[in-house]
């Protein structure tokens, strides 16, 4: 096998192993329950990413492959209309059967078949190698979702249990350094992936976009700054809010970011490390687009466009507080700015003011995988960067994440921008 294909095989099985490592601290009961319609049980994530490899690769590319259980196509299909009927998303927590042990047996069955495919030289075929690359990146997305969804579940437990017992990490800085404003020139800029390495279809095609001169904060908005917004009546003043946002605030009775709660007159936040005091110097997290936009208006600034963010991130290394850092929550930074934006990758996905839509000339992938991104290009906002639970190697400056503006259970935050 060539070196390139060996690297791909190694990445494949490392990704498969990491998913099991992330599920290891959980009990069987933890893995079955669904916290809310937007979240999925851990057991479902374990089965779905396995179904992806079986359905899109092994059934077509490994001669003689035996499907583990035909019923699993209904259980673990997500939203692929071309692949048949499926369990409704909001009812995935009702899948008490198959049991955990059978889902783990399913993973072993598929992993053994993937190794057989590798040993028979299947990964030498560029078309199969591309499908495997998609599967790896898909599994990485669900690794992040697995942790995000288990936090939603544990936060709903009155015992406030931690995902793990080692406790919250100490921040790298006890006080956030003041934000600096970095100026970027306007003009025509190349936006989108350049074709070197992997990219989702929504990052393509690369195209020219005019960007007006702008300034960008060199760091993320902090919890301390968010508390100033709250203390100034930020959640009670409709002038800061978009109409849909204000309606959501009133309907949902939001008064603070998700997972925040007052204990002994001190704000605490539920994290994967348990309930901990809010670190004023750490980036604010679990805020919706509506909240991020309202904060920016309150501060006399705005959110950046996704194109401004990409211009600012161009050439920066994709390093930061990612899943590999093992903090599992946003942390403050003492990294000097040195005239470059900080915290562009890791800690939180950053809301932009850009709606999620196709780039000029966009074409979805052919076949079932064409359902992956394109059909969701409506009524959502683009986020850029990465979070503290994004697997290493999964993000880049052109990566386009997207969520509905009212959603906030993901690791979502913001940085400010302004016109020049």
Protein backbone atom coordinates (compact mmCIF):
# COMPACT_ATOMS: atom_id res chain seq x y z
CA UNK A 1 0.00 0.00 0.00
CA UNK A 2 1.22 3.48 -0.80
CA UNK A 3 2.17 5.85 1.99
CA UNK A 4 -0.84 8.06 1.21
CA UNK A 5 -3.29 5.17 1.48
CA UNK A 6 -1.60 3.90 4.65
CA UNK A 7 -2.08 7.33 6.22
CA UNK A 8 -5.75 7.22 5.22
CA UNK A 9 -6.18 3.75 6.76
CA UNK A 10 -4.48 4.87 9.96
CA UNK A 11 -6.72 7.94 10.18
CA UNK A 12 -9.80 5.81 9.58
CA UNK A 13 -9.14 3.41 12.44
CA UNK A 14 -7.91 6.15 14.74
CA UNK A 15 -11.20 7.98 14.18
CA UNK A 16 -13.20 4.81 14.82
CA UNK A 17 -11.27 4.19 18.06
CA UNK A 18 -11.65 7.79 19.27
CA UNK A 19 -15.44 7.58 19.10
CA UNK A 20 -15.39 4.61 21.46
CA UNK A 21 -12.98 6.42 23.77
CA UNK A 22 -15.36 9.37 23.98
CA UNK A 23 -18.25 7.06 24.87
CA UNK A 24 -16.24 5.09 27.44
CA UNK A 25 -17.00 7.32 30.50
CA UNK A 26 -20.75 6.86 29.96
CA UNK A 27 -23.05 4.28 31.47
CA UNK A 28 -25.46 2.26 29.35
CA UNK A 29 -28.25 4.45 30.70
CA UNK A 30 -26.39 7.61 29.64
CA UNK A 31 -26.13 6.31 26.10
CA UNK A 32 -29.84 5.69 25.56
CA UNK A 33 -31.55 8.89 26.69
CA UNK A 34 -32.28 11.82 24.36
CA UNK A 35 -32.09 15.22 26.05
CA UNK A 36 -34.18 17.14 23.49
CA UNK A 37 -35.27 16.91 19.83
CA UNK A 38 -32.07 18.55 18.53
CA UNK A 39 -29.83 16.10 20.41
CA UNK A 40 -29.34 12.38 19.80
CA UNK A 41 -28.48 9.56 22.19
CA UNK A 42 -24.87 8.40 22.28
CA UNK A 43 -25.99 4.93 21.23
CA UNK A 44 -27.55 6.41 18.10
CA UNK A 45 -24.35 8.30 17.24
CA UNK A 46 -22.35 5.06 17.63
CA UNK A 47 -24.73 3.26 15.31
CA UNK A 48 -25.21 6.03 12.77
CA UNK A 49 -21.55 6.61 11.95
CA UNK A 50 -21.16 2.84 11.58
CA UNK A 51 -24.22 2.66 9.32
CA UNK A 52 -22.62 5.38 7.17
CA UNK A 53 -19.59 3.20 6.41
CA UNK A 54 -21.73 0.12 5.86
CA UNK A 55 -24.31 1.75 3.65
CA UNK A 56 -22.14 3.98 1.48
CA UNK A 57 -18.95 1.93 1.25
CA UNK A 58 -19.04 -1.70 2.34
CA UNK A 59 -22.33 -2.71 0.70
CA UNK A 60 -21.03 -1.50 -2.66
CA UNK A 61 -17.26 -1.90 -2.48
CA UNK A 62 -16.53 -5.12 -0.52
CA UNK A 63 -17.60 -8.23 -2.46
CA UNK A 64 -19.51 -10.68 -0.29
CA UNK A 65 -20.11 -8.19 2.51
CA UNK A 66 -22.90 -9.33 4.88
CA UNK A 67 -25.14 -6.58 6.23
CA UNK A 68 -25.16 -6.86 10.00
CA UNK A 69 -28.91 -6.30 10.42
CA UNK A 70 -31.20 -4.94 7.68
CA UNK A 71 -33.38 -3.27 10.34
CA UNK A 72 -30.48 -1.00 11.26
CA UNK A 73 -31.06 0.99 8.07
CA UNK A 74 -34.30 2.26 9.64
CA UNK A 75 -32.74 2.77 13.09
CA UNK A 76 -29.59 4.63 12.08
CA UNK A 77 -30.37 6.53 8.87
CA UNK A 78 -30.39 10.24 9.70
CA UNK A 79 -31.93 12.35 6.94
CA UNK A 80 -31.09 10.54 3.70
CA UNK A 81 -34.38 10.35 1.83
CA UNK A 82 -32.75 8.21 -0.85
CA UNK A 83 -31.92 5.54 1.74
CA UNK A 84 -35.47 4.89 2.87
CA UNK A 85 -37.64 5.38 5.95
CA UNK A 86 -36.05 6.11 9.29
CA UNK A 87 -36.76 6.73 12.97
CA UNK A 88 -37.87 10.36 13.43
CA UNK A 89 -35.07 12.46 14.89
CA UNK A 90 -37.04 13.62 17.90
CA UNK A 91 -37.87 9.99 18.78
CA UNK A 92 -34.38 8.46 18.65
CA UNK A 93 -34.42 8.14 22.44
CA UNK A 94 -37.18 5.54 22.11
CA UNK A 95 -34.78 3.11 20.45
CA UNK A 96 -34.09 1.08 23.60
CA UNK A 97 -33.57 -1.79 21.18
CA UNK A 98 -31.12 -2.73 19.77
CA UNK A 99 -29.23 -2.78 23.08
CA UNK A 100 -25.83 -1.16 23.54
CA UNK A 101 -23.99 -4.47 23.32
CA UNK A 102 -25.52 -5.15 19.92
CA UNK A 103 -24.59 -1.69 18.62
CA UNK A 104 -21.01 -2.28 19.78
CA UNK A 105 -21.07 -5.66 18.03
CA UNK A 106 -22.26 -3.81 14.92
CA UNK A 107 -19.25 -1.50 15.15
CA UNK A 108 -16.88 -4.47 15.47
CA UNK A 109 -18.51 -6.15 12.48
CA UNK A 110 -18.13 -3.07 10.29
CA UNK A 111 -14.60 -2.32 11.51
CA UNK A 112 -13.54 -5.87 10.63
CA UNK A 113 -15.00 -5.41 7.16
CA UNK A 114 -13.24 -2.07 6.73
CA UNK A 115 -9.94 -3.76 7.62
CA UNK A 116 -10.70 -6.47 5.08
CA UNK A 117 -11.39 -3.80 2.48
CA UNK A 118 -8.07 -2.19 3.36
CA UNK A 119 -6.14 -5.48 3.19
CA UNK A 120 -7.65 -6.25 -0.22
CA UNK A 121 -6.38 -2.93 -1.55
CA UNK A 122 -9.75 -1.21 -1.67
CA UNK A 123 -8.32 2.06 -0.43
CA UNK A 124 -6.04 2.19 -3.47
CA UNK A 125 -9.10 3.07 -5.55
CA UNK A 126 -9.34 6.91 -5.53
CA UNK A 127 -13.14 6.77 -5.59
CA UNK A 128 -13.26 4.49 -2.53
CA UNK A 129 -10.56 6.51 -0.80
CA UNK A 130 -12.70 9.64 -1.26
CA UNK A 131 -15.71 7.90 0.30
CA UNK A 132 -13.56 6.80 3.24
CA UNK A 133 -12.37 10.39 3.66
CA UNK A 134 -15.98 11.55 3.76
CA UNK A 135 -16.71 8.86 6.35
CA UNK A 136 -13.81 9.95 8.55
CA UNK A 137 -14.91 13.58 8.48
CA UNK A 138 -18.51 12.54 9.09
CA UNK A 139 -17.46 10.52 12.14
CA UNK A 140 -15.46 13.49 13.44
CA UNK A 141 -18.56 15.66 13.20
CA UNK A 142 -20.46 13.13 15.28
CA UNK A 143 -17.66 12.96 17.84
CA UNK A 144 -18.31 16.63 18.49
CA UNK A 145 -22.06 16.06 18.49
CA UNK A 146 -21.70 13.13 20.89
CA UNK A 147 -20.04 15.36 23.49
CA UNK A 148 -22.38 18.28 22.83
CA UNK A 149 -25.43 16.07 23.21
CA UNK A 150 -24.20 14.34 26.35
CA UNK A 151 -23.63 17.77 27.94
CA UNK A 152 -27.26 18.62 27.17
CA UNK A 153 -28.31 15.40 28.88
CA UNK A 154 -26.13 15.78 31.96
CA UNK A 155 -27.19 19.40 32.38
CA UNK A 156 -30.80 18.24 32.67
CA UNK A 157 -29.91 15.86 35.51
CA UNK A 158 -30.53 17.50 38.91
CA UNK A 159 -27.37 15.83 40.26
CA UNK A 160 -25.31 17.82 37.71
CA UNK A 161 -22.98 14.86 37.07
CA UNK A 162 -19.70 15.39 35.26
CA UNK A 163 -18.91 13.56 32.05
CA UNK A 164 -15.56 12.77 33.64
CA UNK A 165 -14.18 13.05 37.14
CA UNK A 166 -10.90 14.91 36.70
CA UNK A 167 -12.53 18.32 37.08
CA UNK A 168 -12.43 21.56 35.20
CA UNK A 169 -9.12 22.82 33.78
CA UNK A 170 -7.50 25.94 35.04
CA UNK A 171 -7.53 28.82 32.64
CA UNK A 172 -4.26 29.92 31.12
CA UNK A 173 -4.91 33.47 32.29
CA UNK A 174 -6.66 34.82 35.39
CA UNK A 175 -7.83 37.95 33.60
CA UNK A 176 -8.58 38.45 29.94
CA UNK A 177 -6.29 40.85 28.18
CA UNK A 178 -8.09 43.83 26.60
CA UNK A 179 -9.28 43.21 23.06
CA UNK A 180 -7.30 44.86 20.30
CA UNK A 181 -8.76 45.86 16.96
CA UNK A 182 -7.07 44.57 13.84
CA UNK A 183 -7.59 46.38 10.53
CA UNK A 184 -8.02 44.50 7.26
CA UNK A 185 -7.95 46.04 3.82
CA UNK A 186 -10.94 45.95 1.55
CA UNK A 187 -10.94 44.73 -2.00
CA UNK A 188 -11.38 41.52 -3.95
CA UNK A 189 -10.56 38.35 -2.03
CA UNK A 190 -10.55 34.69 -2.95
CA UNK A 191 -13.07 32.84 -0.76
CA UNK A 192 -13.59 29.10 -0.46
CA UNK A 193 -11.43 26.01 -0.52
CA UNK A 194 -8.55 25.93 -2.99
CA UNK A 195 -8.77 22.19 -3.67
CA UNK A 196 -5.70 21.21 -1.67
CA UNK A 197 -6.84 18.49 0.72
CA UNK A 198 -10.31 17.61 1.92
CA UNK A 199 -13.26 20.00 1.94
CA UNK A 200 -17.03 19.70 2.16
CA UNK A 201 -18.96 20.60 -0.95
CA UNK A 202 -20.37 23.73 0.73
CA UNK A 203 -16.83 25.21 0.83
CA UNK A 204 -16.74 25.16 -2.98
CA UNK A 205 -16.24 26.54 -5.51
CA UNK A 206 -13.52 29.04 -4.72
CA UNK A 207 -14.65 32.41 -5.96
CA UNK A 208 -13.94 36.12 -5.81
CA UNK A 209 -15.82 38.28 -3.32
CA UNK A 210 -15.53 41.97 -2.58
CA UNK A 211 -14.96 42.72 1.10
CA UNK A 212 -15.16 46.26 2.45
CA UNK A 213 -12.41 47.43 4.83
CA UNK A 214 -13.14 46.23 8.36
CA UNK A 215 -11.72 45.77 11.82
CA UNK A 216 -11.93 42.57 13.84
CA UNK A 217 -11.46 42.00 17.56
CA UNK A 218 -8.32 39.98 18.18
CA UNK A 219 -10.04 37.72 20.72
CA UNK A 220 -13.42 36.22 21.56
CA UNK A 221 -16.04 37.89 23.74
CA UNK A 222 -15.63 36.75 27.36
CA UNK A 223 -17.98 35.69 30.13
CA UNK A 224 -17.06 38.83 32.03
CA UNK A 225 -18.12 41.03 29.14
CA UNK A 226 -21.33 39.03 28.83
CA UNK A 227 -22.11 39.61 32.50
CA UNK A 228 -21.78 43.36 31.85
CA UNK A 229 -24.36 42.96 29.08
CA UNK A 230 -26.66 41.10 31.47
CA UNK A 231 -26.17 43.63 34.28
CA UNK A 232 -27.09 46.44 31.88
CA UNK A 233 -30.42 44.79 31.15
CA UNK A 234 -29.33 43.23 27.89
CA UNK A 235 -31.98 40.52 28.01
CA UNK A 236 -34.69 43.04 28.94
CA UNK A 237 -34.19 45.76 26.33
CA UNK A 238 -35.90 45.04 22.99
CA UNK A 239 -33.90 47.76 21.22
CA UNK A 240 -30.89 45.40 21.06
CA UNK A 241 -32.76 42.52 19.51
CA UNK A 242 -33.94 41.37 16.13
CA UNK A 243 -37.70 40.88 16.15
CA UNK A 244 -37.47 37.08 15.96
CA UNK A 245 -34.79 37.13 18.64
CA UNK A 246 -36.86 39.24 21.01
CA UNK A 247 -39.82 36.92 20.50
CA UNK A 248 -37.59 33.95 21.32
CA UNK A 249 -36.20 35.64 24.45
CA UNK A 250 -39.70 36.33 25.75
CA UNK A 251 -41.08 32.93 24.82
CA UNK A 252 -38.13 30.94 26.22
CA UNK A 253 -37.56 33.33 29.15
CA UNK A 254 -33.84 33.61 28.47
CA UNK A 255 -31.89 35.68 31.00
CA UNK A 256 -28.39 34.19 30.56
CA UNK A 257 -26.46 31.82 28.28
CA UNK A 258 -27.56 28.21 28.23
CA UNK A 259 -26.31 26.10 31.17
CA UNK A 260 -25.76 29.14 33.43
CA UNK A 261 -27.37 29.10 36.88
CA UNK A 262 -27.06 31.18 40.02
CA UNK A 263 -25.80 29.50 43.21
CA UNK A 264 -25.15 31.59 46.33
CA UNK A 265 -25.31 34.75 44.24
CA UNK A 266 -22.55 33.44 41.98
CA UNK A 267 -23.02 32.38 38.38
CA UNK A 268 -22.09 28.79 37.64
CA UNK A 269 -22.12 26.95 34.33
CA UNK A 270 -22.66 23.30 33.56
CA UNK A 271 -19.76 21.84 31.59
CA UNK A 272 -18.53 18.39 30.66
CA UNK A 273 -16.36 18.76 33.77
CA UNK A 274 -19.43 19.31 35.94
CA UNK A 275 -20.95 22.46 37.41
CA UNK A 276 -18.21 25.07 37.85
CA UNK A 277 -18.10 28.80 38.62
CA UNK A 278 -18.20 30.95 35.50
CA UNK A 279 -14.65 31.94 34.51
CA UNK A 280 -14.96 35.63 33.66
CA UNK A 281 -11.89 35.55 31.43
CA UNK A 282 -12.97 32.55 29.34
CA UNK A 283 -14.93 32.92 26.10
CA UNK A 284 -18.70 33.02 26.51
CA UNK A 285 -20.33 29.89 25.17
CA UNK A 286 -23.74 28.37 24.38
CA UNK A 287 -25.29 31.57 23.05
CA UNK A 288 -27.62 31.74 20.07
CA UNK A 289 -27.21 33.91 17.01
CA UNK A 290 -29.95 36.13 18.39
CA UNK A 291 -27.98 36.65 21.61
CA UNK A 292 -24.69 37.19 19.79
CA UNK A 293 -26.27 39.78 17.51
CA UNK A 294 -27.93 41.56 20.45
CA UNK A 295 -24.64 41.69 22.36
CA UNK A 296 -22.87 43.15 19.34
CA UNK A 297 -25.53 45.86 19.00
CA UNK A 298 -25.32 46.61 22.72
CA UNK A 299 -21.53 46.96 22.39
CA UNK A 300 -21.89 49.33 19.43
CA UNK A 301 -20.30 46.79 17.09
CA UNK A 302 -21.50 43.99 14.83
CA UNK A 303 -20.79 40.38 13.99
CA UNK A 304 -18.33 39.74 11.16
CA UNK A 305 -19.43 38.31 7.85
CA UNK A 306 -18.16 34.84 7.09
CA UNK A 307 -16.00 36.34 4.34
CA UNK A 308 -14.38 38.82 6.73
CA UNK A 309 -13.68 35.97 9.12
CA UNK A 310 -12.07 33.90 6.37
CA UNK A 311 -9.90 36.82 5.23
CA UNK A 312 -8.71 37.30 8.81
CA UNK A 313 -8.02 33.58 9.28
CA UNK A 314 -6.14 33.05 6.03
CA UNK A 315 -2.70 31.62 6.67
CA UNK A 316 -3.21 31.07 10.40
CA UNK A 317 -2.32 27.66 11.85
CA UNK A 318 -5.33 25.58 12.87
CA UNK A 319 -4.31 25.34 16.51
CA UNK A 320 -5.99 26.18 19.76
CA UNK A 321 -8.21 24.71 22.45
CA UNK A 322 -9.54 21.78 20.41
CA UNK A 323 -10.66 18.33 21.57
CA UNK A 324 -7.03 17.20 21.64
CA UNK A 325 -6.34 19.81 24.34
CA UNK A 326 -8.64 17.78 26.64
CA UNK A 327 -10.06 20.86 28.37
CA UNK A 328 -13.58 20.09 27.09
CA UNK A 329 -14.67 23.66 27.76
CA UNK A 330 -13.61 27.14 26.61
CA UNK A 331 -10.63 28.56 28.47
CA UNK A 332 -9.03 31.99 28.63
CA UNK A 333 -5.78 32.68 26.86
CA UNK A 334 -2.61 34.54 27.72
CA UNK A 335 -1.35 34.26 24.14
CA UNK A 336 -0.11 37.66 22.91
CA UNK A 337 -1.86 39.10 19.88
CA UNK A 338 1.24 40.17 17.94
CA UNK A 339 -1.01 41.86 15.42
CA UNK A 340 -2.88 38.65 14.54
CA UNK A 341 -6.28 37.40 15.70
CA UNK A 342 -6.27 34.94 18.58
CA UNK A 343 -8.58 32.02 19.38
CA UNK A 344 -9.66 31.67 15.76
CA UNK A 345 -9.75 27.88 16.13
CA UNK A 346 -10.96 26.13 19.26
CA UNK A 347 -12.98 27.17 22.30
CA UNK A 348 -16.20 28.08 20.44
CA UNK A 349 -17.63 28.15 16.95
CA UNK A 350 -18.06 31.81 16.03
CA UNK A 351 -21.35 33.20 14.80
CA UNK A 352 -21.20 35.35 11.67
CA UNK A 353 -23.90 37.61 10.25
CA UNK A 354 -23.88 35.59 7.02
CA UNK A 355 -26.82 33.42 6.09
CA UNK A 356 -26.01 29.88 5.02
CA UNK A 357 -26.37 29.74 1.26
CA UNK A 358 -24.61 28.35 -1.77
CA UNK A 359 -21.50 29.91 -3.22
CA UNK A 360 -21.74 31.07 -6.87
CA UNK A 361 -21.55 27.98 -9.07
CA UNK A 362 -22.18 25.53 -6.23
CA UNK A 363 -23.21 22.03 -7.21
CA UNK A 364 -24.05 19.35 -4.62
CA UNK A 365 -22.27 16.01 -4.82
CA UNK A 366 -23.98 13.42 -7.02
CA UNK A 367 -26.04 10.64 -5.47
CA UNK A 368 -27.09 10.21 -1.85
CA UNK A 369 -24.16 12.21 -0.48
CA UNK A 370 -25.58 15.23 -2.28
CA UNK A 371 -28.07 15.39 0.62
CA UNK A 372 -25.26 16.15 3.07
CA UNK A 373 -25.17 19.96 2.91
CA UNK A 374 -27.04 21.54 0.05
CA UNK A 375 -30.60 20.86 1.16
CA UNK A 376 -30.01 22.71 4.45
CA UNK A 377 -29.10 26.02 2.81
CA UNK A 378 -32.04 28.01 4.16
CA UNK A 379 -32.89 29.87 7.39
CA UNK A 380 -29.54 29.14 9.05
CA UNK A 381 -26.45 31.17 9.94
CA UNK A 382 -22.82 30.35 9.17
CA UNK A 383 -20.31 29.81 11.98
CA UNK A 384 -16.56 29.68 11.50
CA UNK A 385 -13.56 28.30 13.36
CA UNK A 386 -13.83 25.28 15.68
CA UNK A 387 -14.71 24.50 19.29
CA UNK A 388 -13.18 22.88 22.34
CA UNK A 389 -14.73 19.55 21.29
CA UNK A 390 -13.80 19.69 17.59
CA UNK A 391 -11.40 16.83 16.75
CA UNK A 392 -7.93 17.84 15.62
CA UNK A 393 -7.60 17.99 11.86
CA UNK A 394 -11.29 18.59 11.29
CA UNK A 395 -11.33 22.35 10.72
CA UNK A 396 -9.74 24.90 8.41
CA UNK A 397 -10.14 28.56 7.47
CA UNK A 398 -12.76 27.74 4.82
CA UNK A 399 -14.89 25.39 6.98
CA UNK A 400 -18.56 26.45 7.09
CA UNK A 401 -20.57 25.24 10.07
CA UNK A 402 -24.24 26.20 10.25
CA UNK A 403 -27.04 26.29 12.81
CA UNK A 404 -30.48 27.83 13.20
CA UNK A 405 -30.38 31.25 14.89
CA UNK A 406 -32.22 30.11 18.02
CA UNK A 407 -29.98 27.09 18.69
CA UNK A 408 -27.42 27.29 21.48
CA UNK A 409 -26.71 23.81 22.85
CA UNK A 410 -23.63 23.62 20.66
CA UNK A 411 -20.34 25.28 21.72
CA UNK A 412 -21.22 28.63 20.14
CA UNK A 413 -19.73 32.06 20.85
CA UNK A 414 -18.65 35.22 19.08
CA UNK A 415 -16.09 37.90 18.34
CA UNK A 416 -16.92 41.45 17.33
CA UNK A 417 -16.29 43.38 14.13
CA UNK A 418 -16.79 46.95 13.00
CA UNK A 419 -16.69 48.99 9.83
CA UNK A 420 -13.72 51.17 9.03
